N, C-alpha and C. Protein backbone atom coordinates (compact mmCIF):
# COMPACT_ATOMS: atom_id res chain seq x y z
N MET A 1 81.31 109.46 58.29
CA MET A 1 81.37 108.31 59.07
C MET A 1 82.67 107.43 59.35
N PRO A 2 83.49 107.56 58.29
CA PRO A 2 84.61 106.89 58.55
C PRO A 2 85.65 107.42 59.57
N THR A 3 85.45 108.75 59.67
CA THR A 3 86.28 109.55 60.62
C THR A 3 85.75 109.10 62.01
N GLU A 4 84.28 109.07 62.10
CA GLU A 4 83.86 108.53 63.48
C GLU A 4 84.32 107.15 63.93
N ARG A 5 84.45 106.26 62.97
CA ARG A 5 84.92 105.07 63.23
C ARG A 5 86.19 104.96 63.66
N MET A 6 87.13 105.80 62.81
CA MET A 6 88.59 105.89 63.30
C MET A 6 88.68 106.59 64.75
N ALA A 7 87.72 107.45 65.08
CA ALA A 7 87.93 108.18 66.36
C ALA A 7 87.54 107.15 67.43
N ASP A 8 86.45 106.28 67.09
CA ASP A 8 86.12 105.27 68.14
C ASP A 8 87.21 104.25 68.32
N ARG A 9 87.79 103.92 67.01
CA ARG A 9 88.98 102.83 67.25
C ARG A 9 90.09 103.45 68.04
N ALA A 10 90.45 104.67 67.87
CA ALA A 10 91.54 105.29 68.75
C ALA A 10 91.01 105.34 70.20
N LYS A 11 89.81 105.63 70.45
CA LYS A 11 89.38 105.61 71.90
C LYS A 11 89.51 104.08 72.31
N ILE A 12 89.09 103.50 71.70
CA ILE A 12 89.26 101.85 72.08
C ILE A 12 90.60 101.47 72.30
N ARG A 13 91.44 101.73 71.44
CA ARG A 13 92.81 101.45 71.61
C ARG A 13 93.45 102.05 72.78
N GLU A 14 92.95 103.31 72.96
CA GLU A 14 93.75 103.95 74.24
C GLU A 14 93.12 103.33 75.46
N LEU A 15 91.89 103.18 75.60
CA LEU A 15 91.28 102.38 76.79
C LEU A 15 91.90 100.95 77.04
N LEU A 16 92.27 100.12 75.85
CA LEU A 16 93.09 98.87 75.99
C LEU A 16 94.32 99.18 76.69
N LEU A 17 94.94 100.16 76.02
CA LEU A 17 96.38 100.37 76.44
C LEU A 17 96.46 100.78 77.73
N ARG A 18 95.69 101.68 78.18
CA ARG A 18 95.67 102.25 79.66
C ARG A 18 95.12 101.16 80.65
N SER A 19 94.28 100.22 80.22
CA SER A 19 93.90 99.21 81.14
C SER A 19 95.10 98.20 81.18
N ARG A 20 95.86 97.90 80.13
CA ARG A 20 96.99 97.02 80.24
C ARG A 20 98.20 97.57 81.15
N THR A 21 98.32 98.91 81.08
CA THR A 21 99.49 99.51 81.82
C THR A 21 98.86 99.43 83.24
N ASP A 22 97.63 99.79 83.52
CA ASP A 22 97.17 99.95 84.97
C ASP A 22 97.13 98.44 85.39
N ALA A 23 96.70 97.41 84.82
CA ALA A 23 96.85 96.09 85.23
C ALA A 23 98.38 95.57 85.58
N ASP A 24 99.26 95.79 84.66
CA ASP A 24 100.63 95.54 84.83
C ASP A 24 101.26 96.43 86.15
N SER A 25 100.72 97.63 86.59
CA SER A 25 101.35 98.37 87.57
C SER A 25 100.90 97.88 88.87
N HIS A 26 99.53 97.13 88.85
CA HIS A 26 99.13 96.43 90.22
C HIS A 26 99.92 95.06 90.26
N ILE A 27 100.22 94.35 89.16
CA ILE A 27 101.08 93.04 89.47
C ILE A 27 102.51 93.50 89.79
N ASP A 28 103.18 94.78 89.28
CA ASP A 28 104.30 95.03 89.64
C ASP A 28 104.30 95.57 91.09
N LYS A 29 103.35 96.03 91.74
CA LYS A 29 103.27 96.34 93.13
C LYS A 29 103.19 95.09 94.03
N ILE A 30 102.64 94.20 93.57
CA ILE A 30 102.47 92.85 94.17
C ILE A 30 103.91 92.19 94.13
N ARG A 31 104.57 92.33 92.99
CA ARG A 31 105.85 91.70 92.72
C ARG A 31 106.90 92.45 93.71
N ALA A 32 106.76 93.58 93.86
CA ALA A 32 107.97 94.71 94.42
C ALA A 32 107.69 94.70 96.08
N ALA A 33 106.57 94.22 96.38
CA ALA A 33 106.12 94.29 97.81
C ALA A 33 107.14 93.36 98.61
N ASP A 34 108.03 93.69 99.81
CA ASP A 34 108.71 92.89 100.49
C ASP A 34 108.89 93.31 101.85
N PRO A 35 108.05 92.76 102.61
CA PRO A 35 107.38 91.50 102.49
C PRO A 35 105.93 91.87 101.96
N LEU A 36 105.55 90.88 101.12
CA LEU A 36 103.91 91.26 100.62
C LEU A 36 103.04 90.65 101.66
N THR A 37 102.01 91.39 102.06
CA THR A 37 101.04 91.25 102.93
C THR A 37 99.90 90.74 102.40
N TYR A 38 98.95 89.99 102.93
CA TYR A 38 97.68 89.67 102.40
C TYR A 38 96.94 90.90 102.14
N ASP A 39 96.81 91.91 102.98
CA ASP A 39 96.06 93.11 102.74
C ASP A 39 96.49 93.73 101.37
N THR A 40 97.76 93.79 101.15
CA THR A 40 98.37 94.44 99.98
C THR A 40 97.98 93.55 98.75
N LEU A 41 98.20 92.23 98.85
CA LEU A 41 97.82 91.50 97.81
C LEU A 41 96.24 91.50 97.33
N HIS A 42 95.64 91.58 98.36
CA HIS A 42 94.10 91.68 98.09
C HIS A 42 93.71 93.04 97.29
N GLU A 43 94.35 94.20 97.81
CA GLU A 43 93.90 95.55 97.27
C GLU A 43 94.46 95.58 95.72
N GLU A 44 95.86 94.94 95.69
CA GLU A 44 96.46 95.24 94.38
C GLU A 44 95.67 94.25 93.41
N LEU A 45 95.43 92.92 93.73
CA LEU A 45 94.69 92.12 92.85
C LEU A 45 93.12 92.30 92.65
N TYR A 46 92.58 93.05 93.58
CA TYR A 46 91.26 93.60 93.22
C TYR A 46 91.36 94.59 92.19
N ASN A 47 92.41 95.59 92.07
CA ASN A 47 92.66 96.72 91.26
C ASN A 47 92.92 96.01 89.82
N TYR A 48 93.75 94.93 89.97
CA TYR A 48 94.36 94.31 88.72
C TYR A 48 92.98 93.88 88.01
N VAL A 49 92.02 93.15 88.79
CA VAL A 49 90.81 92.63 88.21
C VAL A 49 90.19 93.66 87.62
N LEU A 50 90.00 94.77 88.28
CA LEU A 50 89.09 95.96 87.71
C LEU A 50 89.86 96.36 86.40
N ALA A 51 91.06 96.41 86.38
CA ALA A 51 91.81 96.96 85.18
C ALA A 51 91.75 95.81 84.05
N LYS A 52 91.78 94.56 84.39
CA LYS A 52 91.57 93.61 83.35
C LYS A 52 90.27 93.52 82.85
N PHE A 53 89.29 93.75 83.60
CA PHE A 53 87.77 93.69 83.30
C PHE A 53 87.33 95.11 82.68
N LEU A 54 88.38 96.06 82.41
CA LEU A 54 87.93 97.31 81.73
C LEU A 54 86.84 98.13 82.77
N LEU A 55 86.98 98.02 83.95
CA LEU A 55 86.32 98.69 84.98
C LEU A 55 87.05 99.63 85.85
N GLU A 56 86.31 100.87 86.22
CA GLU A 56 86.89 101.74 87.01
C GLU A 56 86.61 101.39 88.36
N PRO A 57 87.50 102.07 89.28
CA PRO A 57 87.16 101.60 90.84
C PRO A 57 85.69 102.06 91.16
N SER A 58 85.31 103.07 90.61
CA SER A 58 83.89 103.42 90.91
C SER A 58 82.87 102.42 90.43
N ASP A 59 83.08 101.60 89.55
CA ASP A 59 82.29 100.48 88.90
C ASP A 59 82.25 99.28 89.95
N LYS A 60 82.68 99.38 91.04
CA LYS A 60 82.83 98.08 92.05
C LYS A 60 81.20 97.80 92.40
N PRO A 61 80.61 96.48 92.02
CA PRO A 61 79.36 96.44 92.60
C PRO A 61 79.34 96.25 94.01
N GLU A 62 78.23 96.44 94.63
CA GLU A 62 78.07 96.18 95.99
C GLU A 62 78.54 94.83 96.57
N GLY A 63 78.95 94.63 97.69
CA GLY A 63 79.35 93.52 97.90
C GLY A 63 80.74 93.04 97.52
N ASP A 64 81.19 91.99 97.56
CA ASP A 64 82.39 91.32 97.03
C ASP A 64 82.35 90.27 96.00
N ASN A 65 81.24 90.51 95.43
CA ASN A 65 80.92 89.29 94.35
C ASN A 65 81.82 89.09 93.03
N PHE A 66 82.67 88.37 92.93
CA PHE A 66 83.55 88.13 91.60
C PHE A 66 82.73 88.06 90.50
N ASN A 67 81.56 87.25 90.58
CA ASN A 67 80.89 86.90 89.33
C ASN A 67 80.03 88.18 88.85
N ALA A 68 79.85 89.22 89.90
CA ALA A 68 79.11 90.25 89.50
C ALA A 68 80.18 91.33 88.79
N LEU A 69 81.44 91.11 89.08
CA LEU A 69 82.30 91.93 88.42
C LEU A 69 82.42 91.37 86.68
N ALA A 70 82.42 90.14 86.57
CA ALA A 70 82.67 89.70 85.53
C ALA A 70 81.54 89.84 84.62
N GLU A 71 80.28 89.90 85.17
CA GLU A 71 79.03 90.23 84.50
C GLU A 71 78.85 91.70 84.19
N LEU A 72 79.47 92.62 85.09
CA LEU A 72 79.44 94.07 84.89
C LEU A 72 80.36 94.30 83.93
N SER A 73 81.59 93.63 83.70
CA SER A 73 82.45 93.85 82.69
C SER A 73 81.84 93.42 81.13
N LEU A 74 81.13 92.44 81.31
CA LEU A 74 80.46 92.21 79.84
C LEU A 74 79.27 93.10 79.49
N ALA A 75 78.66 93.51 80.63
CA ALA A 75 77.67 94.50 80.46
C ALA A 75 78.11 95.83 79.62
N LYS A 76 79.22 96.38 80.39
CA LYS A 76 79.65 97.55 79.80
C LYS A 76 80.40 97.37 78.44
N SER A 77 80.97 96.22 78.10
CA SER A 77 81.51 96.01 76.79
C SER A 77 80.45 95.61 75.73
N GLN A 78 79.24 95.39 76.36
CA GLN A 78 78.14 95.06 75.25
C GLN A 78 77.18 96.20 75.09
N LYS A 79 77.34 97.21 76.22
CA LYS A 79 76.54 98.34 76.57
C LYS A 79 75.14 97.92 76.63
N VAL A 80 75.10 97.10 77.78
CA VAL A 80 73.76 96.42 78.19
C VAL A 80 73.58 96.58 79.62
N SER A 81 72.36 96.31 80.24
CA SER A 81 72.42 96.19 81.66
C SER A 81 73.06 95.01 82.12
N PRO A 82 73.64 94.96 83.43
CA PRO A 82 74.15 93.72 83.97
C PRO A 82 73.07 92.52 84.14
N GLU A 83 71.76 92.93 84.43
CA GLU A 83 70.77 92.00 84.52
C GLU A 83 70.36 91.26 83.26
N LEU A 84 70.59 92.16 82.11
CA LEU A 84 70.38 91.45 80.83
C LEU A 84 71.65 90.57 80.50
N VAL A 85 72.71 90.81 80.91
CA VAL A 85 73.86 89.70 80.95
C VAL A 85 73.51 88.56 81.74
N GLU A 86 73.05 88.71 82.92
CA GLU A 86 72.68 87.76 83.83
C GLU A 86 71.75 86.75 82.98
N GLU A 87 70.62 87.44 82.63
CA GLU A 87 69.52 86.61 82.23
C GLU A 87 69.81 85.98 80.99
N PHE A 88 70.71 86.50 79.98
CA PHE A 88 70.81 85.91 78.65
C PHE A 88 72.05 85.28 78.50
N ASP A 89 73.14 85.47 79.42
CA ASP A 89 74.31 84.71 79.27
C ASP A 89 74.28 83.25 79.94
N THR A 90 73.44 82.58 79.61
CA THR A 90 73.11 81.20 79.94
C THR A 90 74.17 80.27 79.27
N ALA A 91 74.23 79.15 79.74
CA ALA A 91 75.30 78.23 78.97
C ALA A 91 74.71 77.80 77.66
N GLN A 92 75.20 78.40 76.87
CA GLN A 92 74.63 78.15 75.40
C GLN A 92 75.47 77.06 74.48
N SER A 93 76.69 77.02 75.05
CA SER A 93 77.71 76.14 74.32
C SER A 93 77.52 74.71 74.81
N CYS A 94 78.04 73.77 73.99
CA CYS A 94 77.90 72.46 74.53
C CYS A 94 78.69 72.05 75.86
N ASP A 95 79.54 72.87 75.97
CA ASP A 95 80.53 72.77 77.35
C ASP A 95 79.89 73.24 78.66
N GLY A 96 78.79 74.09 78.18
CA GLY A 96 77.92 74.66 79.63
C GLY A 96 78.70 75.83 80.12
N ALA A 97 79.76 76.38 79.29
CA ALA A 97 80.45 77.67 79.99
C ALA A 97 79.65 78.95 79.39
N THR A 98 79.40 79.84 80.19
CA THR A 98 79.10 81.26 80.10
C THR A 98 80.15 82.08 79.57
N SER A 99 79.70 83.35 79.21
CA SER A 99 80.75 84.30 78.80
C SER A 99 81.54 84.74 80.12
N ALA A 100 80.58 84.86 81.09
CA ALA A 100 81.25 85.24 82.42
C ALA A 100 82.15 84.21 82.94
N MET A 101 82.20 83.06 82.81
CA MET A 101 82.96 82.01 83.25
C MET A 101 84.10 81.90 82.42
N ALA A 102 84.02 82.19 80.96
CA ALA A 102 85.10 82.17 80.20
C ALA A 102 86.16 83.38 80.40
N LYS A 103 85.37 84.50 80.90
CA LYS A 103 86.33 85.68 81.21
C LYS A 103 86.94 85.43 82.57
N LYS A 104 86.49 84.78 83.39
CA LYS A 104 87.24 84.29 84.65
C LYS A 104 88.33 83.47 84.55
N VAL A 105 88.06 82.57 83.60
CA VAL A 105 89.01 81.59 83.34
C VAL A 105 90.35 82.28 82.71
N LEU A 106 90.00 83.23 81.74
CA LEU A 106 91.13 84.00 81.10
C LEU A 106 91.78 84.83 82.23
N LEU A 107 90.98 85.22 83.03
CA LEU A 107 91.70 86.10 84.15
C LEU A 107 92.60 85.24 85.00
N TYR A 108 92.15 84.04 85.39
CA TYR A 108 92.90 83.06 86.16
C TYR A 108 94.29 82.82 85.39
N MET A 109 94.33 82.57 84.07
CA MET A 109 95.35 82.27 83.30
C MET A 109 96.36 83.52 83.22
N ALA A 110 95.84 84.72 83.28
CA ALA A 110 96.65 86.00 83.32
C ALA A 110 97.28 86.02 84.57
N ILE A 111 96.50 85.75 85.85
CA ILE A 111 97.13 85.94 86.94
C ILE A 111 98.26 84.94 87.15
N GLN A 112 98.05 83.67 86.83
CA GLN A 112 99.11 82.72 86.79
C GLN A 112 100.33 83.00 85.87
N LYS A 113 100.23 83.59 84.79
CA LYS A 113 101.36 84.05 83.95
C LYS A 113 102.10 85.15 84.73
N ALA A 114 101.30 85.98 85.25
CA ALA A 114 101.79 87.41 85.65
C ALA A 114 102.68 87.13 87.29
N LEU A 115 102.19 86.19 87.82
CA LEU A 115 102.75 85.73 89.07
C LEU A 115 103.52 84.47 89.04
N ASN A 116 103.71 83.86 88.00
CA ASN A 116 104.40 82.67 87.99
C ASN A 116 103.83 81.57 89.01
N ILE A 117 102.70 81.33 88.89
CA ILE A 117 101.97 80.29 89.72
C ILE A 117 100.97 79.29 89.04
N GLU A 118 100.48 78.35 89.73
CA GLU A 118 99.59 77.60 89.03
C GLU A 118 98.46 77.45 90.23
N LEU A 119 97.38 77.97 89.75
CA LEU A 119 96.17 78.03 90.59
C LEU A 119 95.55 76.67 90.56
N PRO A 120 94.93 76.27 91.62
CA PRO A 120 94.47 74.92 91.72
C PRO A 120 92.81 74.85 90.93
N ALA A 121 92.68 74.12 89.92
CA ALA A 121 91.56 74.05 89.22
C ALA A 121 90.26 73.88 90.15
N THR A 122 90.11 72.80 90.95
CA THR A 122 89.19 72.66 91.76
C THR A 122 88.67 74.00 92.65
N GLU A 123 89.91 74.51 93.32
CA GLU A 123 89.52 75.75 94.16
C GLU A 123 88.94 76.89 93.17
N SER A 124 89.72 77.09 91.94
CA SER A 124 89.33 78.18 91.25
C SER A 124 87.77 78.03 90.90
N ALA A 125 87.24 76.92 90.66
CA ALA A 125 85.83 76.83 90.25
C ALA A 125 84.85 77.13 91.27
N ARG A 126 85.24 77.11 92.55
CA ARG A 126 84.49 77.55 93.74
C ARG A 126 84.58 79.21 94.15
N VAL A 127 85.47 79.89 93.46
CA VAL A 127 85.58 81.20 93.93
C VAL A 127 84.48 81.89 93.55
N LYS A 128 83.78 82.65 94.69
CA LYS A 128 82.50 83.36 94.37
C LYS A 128 82.76 84.82 94.65
N THR A 129 83.76 85.44 95.54
CA THR A 129 84.03 86.68 95.81
C THR A 129 85.45 87.01 95.62
N MET A 130 85.72 88.11 95.75
CA MET A 130 86.96 88.66 95.63
C MET A 130 88.16 88.03 96.67
N GLN A 131 87.40 88.07 97.87
CA GLN A 131 88.11 87.52 98.98
C GLN A 131 88.62 86.07 98.73
N ASP A 132 87.71 85.31 98.19
CA ASP A 132 87.99 83.92 97.67
C ASP A 132 88.98 83.91 96.92
N LEU A 133 89.18 84.67 95.95
CA LEU A 133 90.28 84.88 94.95
C LEU A 133 91.34 85.16 95.66
N SER A 134 91.64 86.27 96.40
CA SER A 134 92.59 86.65 96.94
C SER A 134 93.27 85.63 97.84
N ARG A 135 92.27 84.89 98.61
CA ARG A 135 92.67 83.72 99.46
C ARG A 135 93.30 82.59 98.67
N MET A 136 92.94 82.13 97.61
CA MET A 136 93.43 81.26 96.55
C MET A 136 94.64 81.56 96.18
N VAL A 137 94.82 82.87 95.60
CA VAL A 137 96.05 83.27 95.18
C VAL A 137 97.10 83.37 96.13
N TRP A 138 96.88 83.82 97.46
CA TRP A 138 97.60 83.78 98.73
C TRP A 138 98.12 82.50 99.00
N ASN A 139 97.12 81.57 99.17
CA ASN A 139 97.77 80.15 99.44
C ASN A 139 98.55 79.47 98.45
N THR A 140 98.44 80.02 97.23
CA THR A 140 98.99 79.39 96.17
C THR A 140 100.73 79.96 96.17
N LEU A 141 100.56 81.34 96.60
CA LEU A 141 101.81 81.92 96.65
C LEU A 141 102.68 81.64 97.81
N THR A 142 101.94 80.91 99.05
CA THR A 142 102.84 80.69 100.06
C THR A 142 103.41 79.06 99.85
N ALA A 143 102.83 78.57 98.91
CA ALA A 143 103.35 77.23 98.40
C ALA A 143 104.49 77.12 97.26
N ALA A 144 104.52 78.30 96.66
CA ALA A 144 105.41 78.52 95.62
C ALA A 144 106.89 78.91 95.93
N GLU A 145 107.75 78.14 95.44
CA GLU A 145 109.29 78.24 95.90
C GLU A 145 109.66 79.94 95.62
N GLU A 146 109.20 80.37 94.59
CA GLU A 146 109.64 81.72 94.22
C GLU A 146 109.23 82.85 95.22
N TRP A 147 108.11 82.64 95.85
CA TRP A 147 107.42 83.47 96.84
C TRP A 147 107.81 83.28 98.30
N ARG A 148 108.45 82.07 98.54
CA ARG A 148 108.65 81.71 99.81
C ARG A 148 109.80 82.87 100.47
N GLY A 149 109.58 83.20 101.76
CA GLY A 149 110.39 84.09 102.27
C GLY A 149 110.00 85.53 102.06
N ARG A 150 109.19 85.75 101.02
CA ARG A 150 108.76 87.20 100.59
C ARG A 150 107.27 87.46 101.19
N LEU A 151 106.60 86.63 101.90
CA LEU A 151 105.28 86.82 102.28
C LEU A 151 105.21 87.05 103.79
N GLU A 152 104.60 87.92 104.18
CA GLU A 152 104.40 88.22 105.60
C GLU A 152 103.23 87.51 106.20
N ILE A 153 103.54 86.35 106.83
CA ILE A 153 102.61 85.47 107.26
C ILE A 153 102.24 85.76 108.54
N LYS A 154 100.84 85.98 108.97
CA LYS A 154 100.55 86.08 110.35
C LYS A 154 100.16 85.08 111.19
């Protein structure tokens, strides 16, 4: 039994390290792009989110639903169906935040840190799709001094 636990821990550690490395590589591609196009940002940001949420590209839910990605990530980590997560991940805390909401907020913080930007709180609350997320990040980059001149604006 202890040997199994150690093997499981090693697998989990390997998964977390691989996910971090993968996520970092997508941020590196965004930072290295010169000029950075919206399409490149969207593709790399989507892959970054998948890596941060410990999902594989094959795990993408149908459509472009950002909330579904957060719920799928929770479902995989808890080893339950996404439907159960959606059903039981209701706002239980006094602040009304679900686990999926908390996961999204942590992701926003990671994006801000990785790209040295500050995402608008009011707009972040309205993000429903990966396109919404990409547009919010793109608009924030266009206003950031560090990114001016490196973006290909159509």
